[in-house]
């Protein structure tokens, strides 16, 4: 389970009606959703992957995000898989813009940095299906050890 960290929130409103706390998990969800909306990002799992993942209790989210807060700045790390045939630099820039925009829009928090890590290039769904089967076999093997 991920460590829950709260991000300090400074409201722009004139009245202070109470305290607002936003966990890093919320920011990670916003970043993952924003990145998944960019064309060329492999964010959807296939039906086969979803079924095997559900059966084994595995989360097969294709976009991993991590939030770091340092010296009153928010740094977002996004791990993605790119679909074959798309420009990696264009996708990375689009993700940076979209993540910053959505976090600012939804939370009124300014993101200092968005680091995009391209983990792989996805070509065919059959290769993805094979990788989840291999991972499932490893998980089952570990469970019985």
Protein backbone atom coordinates (compact mmCIF):
# COMPACT_ATOMS: atom_id res chain seq x y z
CA UNK A 1 0.00 0.00 0.00
CA UNK A 2 1.32 3.42 -0.92
CA UNK A 3 2.31 5.85 1.77
CA UNK A 4 -0.26 8.62 2.06
CA UNK A 5 1.28 12.05 2.21
CA UNK A 6 -0.67 15.26 2.46
CA UNK A 7 0.18 18.26 0.31
CA UNK A 8 -0.08 21.71 1.89
CA UNK A 9 -2.86 23.68 0.26
CA UNK A 10 -2.93 27.47 0.19
CA UNK A 11 -6.32 28.74 -0.92
CA UNK A 12 -6.69 31.92 -2.92
CA UNK A 13 -10.03 32.73 -1.27
CA UNK A 14 -10.33 35.70 1.07
CA UNK A 15 -12.19 33.79 3.77
CA UNK A 16 -10.72 30.88 5.67
CA UNK A 17 -13.56 28.43 6.31
CA UNK A 18 -11.37 25.56 7.44
CA UNK A 19 -8.53 23.30 6.46
CA UNK A 20 -8.18 21.54 3.11
CA UNK A 21 -5.88 18.55 2.72
CA UNK A 22 -5.16 16.78 -0.55
CA UNK A 23 -3.30 13.47 -0.47
CA UNK A 24 -0.64 12.60 -2.99
CA UNK A 25 -2.82 9.69 -4.09
CA UNK A 26 -5.38 12.15 -5.41
CA UNK A 27 -2.71 14.01 -7.35
CA UNK A 28 -1.36 10.73 -8.72
CA UNK A 29 -4.84 9.76 -9.93
CA UNK A 30 -5.31 13.12 -11.63
CA UNK A 31 -1.90 12.82 -13.33
CA UNK A 32 -2.56 9.25 -14.53
CA UNK A 33 -5.96 10.18 -15.92
CA UNK A 34 -4.56 13.27 -17.67
CA UNK A 35 -1.74 11.24 -19.24
CA UNK A 36 -4.16 8.53 -20.40
CA UNK A 37 -6.09 11.12 -22.41
CA UNK A 38 -3.11 11.83 -24.67
CA UNK A 39 -3.28 10.09 -28.04
CA UNK A 40 -0.49 7.56 -28.46
CA UNK A 41 -0.27 6.54 -24.80
CA UNK A 42 -0.94 2.85 -24.20
CA UNK A 43 -3.23 3.22 -21.20
CA UNK A 44 -5.97 0.73 -21.75
CA UNK A 45 -5.64 -2.91 -20.88
CA UNK A 46 -7.12 -5.45 -23.25
CA UNK A 47 -10.06 -7.61 -22.23
CA UNK A 48 -7.77 -10.60 -21.77
CA UNK A 49 -5.35 -8.63 -19.61
CA UNK A 50 -8.20 -7.31 -17.48
CA UNK A 51 -9.68 -10.77 -16.95
CA UNK A 52 -6.37 -12.39 -15.98
CA UNK A 53 -5.46 -9.40 -13.81
CA UNK A 54 -8.80 -9.51 -12.02
CA UNK A 55 -8.52 -13.26 -11.51
CA UNK A 56 -5.10 -12.90 -9.91
CA UNK A 57 -5.91 -9.72 -8.01
CA UNK A 58 -3.31 -7.73 -9.95
CA UNK A 59 -3.65 -4.06 -10.81
CA UNK A 60 -2.71 -3.66 -14.45
CA UNK A 61 -2.75 0.13 -14.64
CA UNK A 62 -0.56 1.07 -17.58
CA UNK A 63 0.32 4.54 -16.30
CA UNK A 64 2.26 4.77 -13.06
CA UNK A 65 2.61 8.13 -11.34
CA UNK A 66 4.56 9.29 -8.32
CA UNK A 67 4.29 12.65 -6.56
CA UNK A 68 7.18 14.19 -4.65
CA UNK A 69 6.90 17.35 -2.59
CA UNK A 70 10.14 19.17 -1.95
CA UNK A 71 10.59 22.72 -0.64
CA UNK A 72 6.97 23.72 -1.38
CA UNK A 73 7.22 22.40 -4.95
CA UNK A 74 5.37 19.48 -6.52
CA UNK A 75 7.26 17.12 -8.82
CA UNK A 76 5.33 14.51 -10.82
CA UNK A 77 6.94 11.39 -12.31
CA UNK A 78 4.85 9.64 -14.96
CA UNK A 79 5.76 6.22 -16.38
CA UNK A 80 4.07 5.46 -19.70
CA UNK A 81 4.10 3.03 -22.57
CA UNK A 82 3.87 4.55 -26.04
CA UNK A 83 2.01 3.03 -28.97
CA UNK A 84 4.19 2.26 -31.97
CA UNK A 85 4.13 4.94 -34.66
CA UNK A 86 3.73 7.99 -32.40
CA UNK A 87 6.34 10.65 -31.72
CA UNK A 88 7.78 10.12 -28.24
CA UNK A 89 8.86 13.78 -27.72
CA UNK A 90 5.45 15.10 -28.82
CA UNK A 91 3.64 12.73 -26.47
CA UNK A 92 5.96 13.61 -23.56
CA UNK A 93 5.43 17.37 -24.05
CA UNK A 94 1.66 16.89 -24.34
CA UNK A 95 1.65 14.86 -21.10
CA UNK A 96 3.67 17.52 -19.28
CA UNK A 97 1.24 20.24 -20.36
CA UNK A 98 -1.90 18.21 -19.64
CA UNK A 99 -0.76 17.01 -16.19
CA UNK A 100 0.23 20.52 -15.08
CA UNK A 101 -3.04 21.94 -16.42
CA UNK A 102 -5.31 19.34 -14.82
CA UNK A 103 -3.67 19.42 -11.39
CA UNK A 104 -3.82 23.22 -11.38
CA UNK A 105 -7.45 23.20 -12.57
CA UNK A 106 -8.64 20.55 -10.13
CA UNK A 107 -6.65 21.45 -7.00
CA UNK A 108 -5.30 25.00 -7.48
CA UNK A 109 -1.80 23.59 -6.87
CA UNK A 110 1.03 24.53 -9.22
CA UNK A 111 3.25 21.70 -10.42
CA UNK A 112 6.93 22.61 -10.69
CA UNK A 113 8.07 19.67 -12.79
CA UNK A 114 6.58 16.77 -14.75
CA UNK A 115 9.10 14.03 -15.61
CA UNK A 116 7.91 11.59 -18.28
CA UNK A 117 9.56 8.17 -18.32
CA UNK A 118 8.86 6.07 -21.43
CA UNK A 119 9.02 2.46 -20.28
CA UNK A 120 8.34 0.72 -23.60
CA UNK A 121 6.82 0.92 -27.05
CA UNK A 122 3.71 -1.21 -27.48
CA UNK A 123 3.30 -2.82 -30.87
CA UNK A 124 0.72 -5.59 -30.82
CA UNK A 125 -1.80 -6.55 -28.16
CA UNK A 126 -0.66 -10.16 -28.45
CA UNK A 127 2.75 -9.19 -27.05
CA UNK A 128 1.03 -7.45 -24.15
CA UNK A 129 -1.14 -10.49 -23.56
CA UNK A 130 1.95 -12.69 -23.48
CA UNK A 131 3.62 -10.42 -20.92
CA UNK A 132 0.64 -10.52 -18.56
CA UNK A 133 0.50 -14.31 -18.82
CA UNK A 134 4.20 -14.50 -17.95
CA UNK A 135 3.66 -12.15 -15.01
CA UNK A 136 0.65 -14.18 -13.87
CA UNK A 137 2.63 -17.41 -13.95
CA UNK A 138 5.41 -15.78 -11.88
CA UNK A 139 2.86 -14.47 -9.36
CA UNK A 140 1.20 -17.87 -9.03
CA UNK A 141 4.61 -19.52 -8.61
CA UNK A 142 5.55 -17.07 -5.84
CA UNK A 143 2.24 -17.66 -4.08
CA UNK A 144 2.88 -21.39 -3.83
CA UNK A 145 6.46 -21.10 -2.60
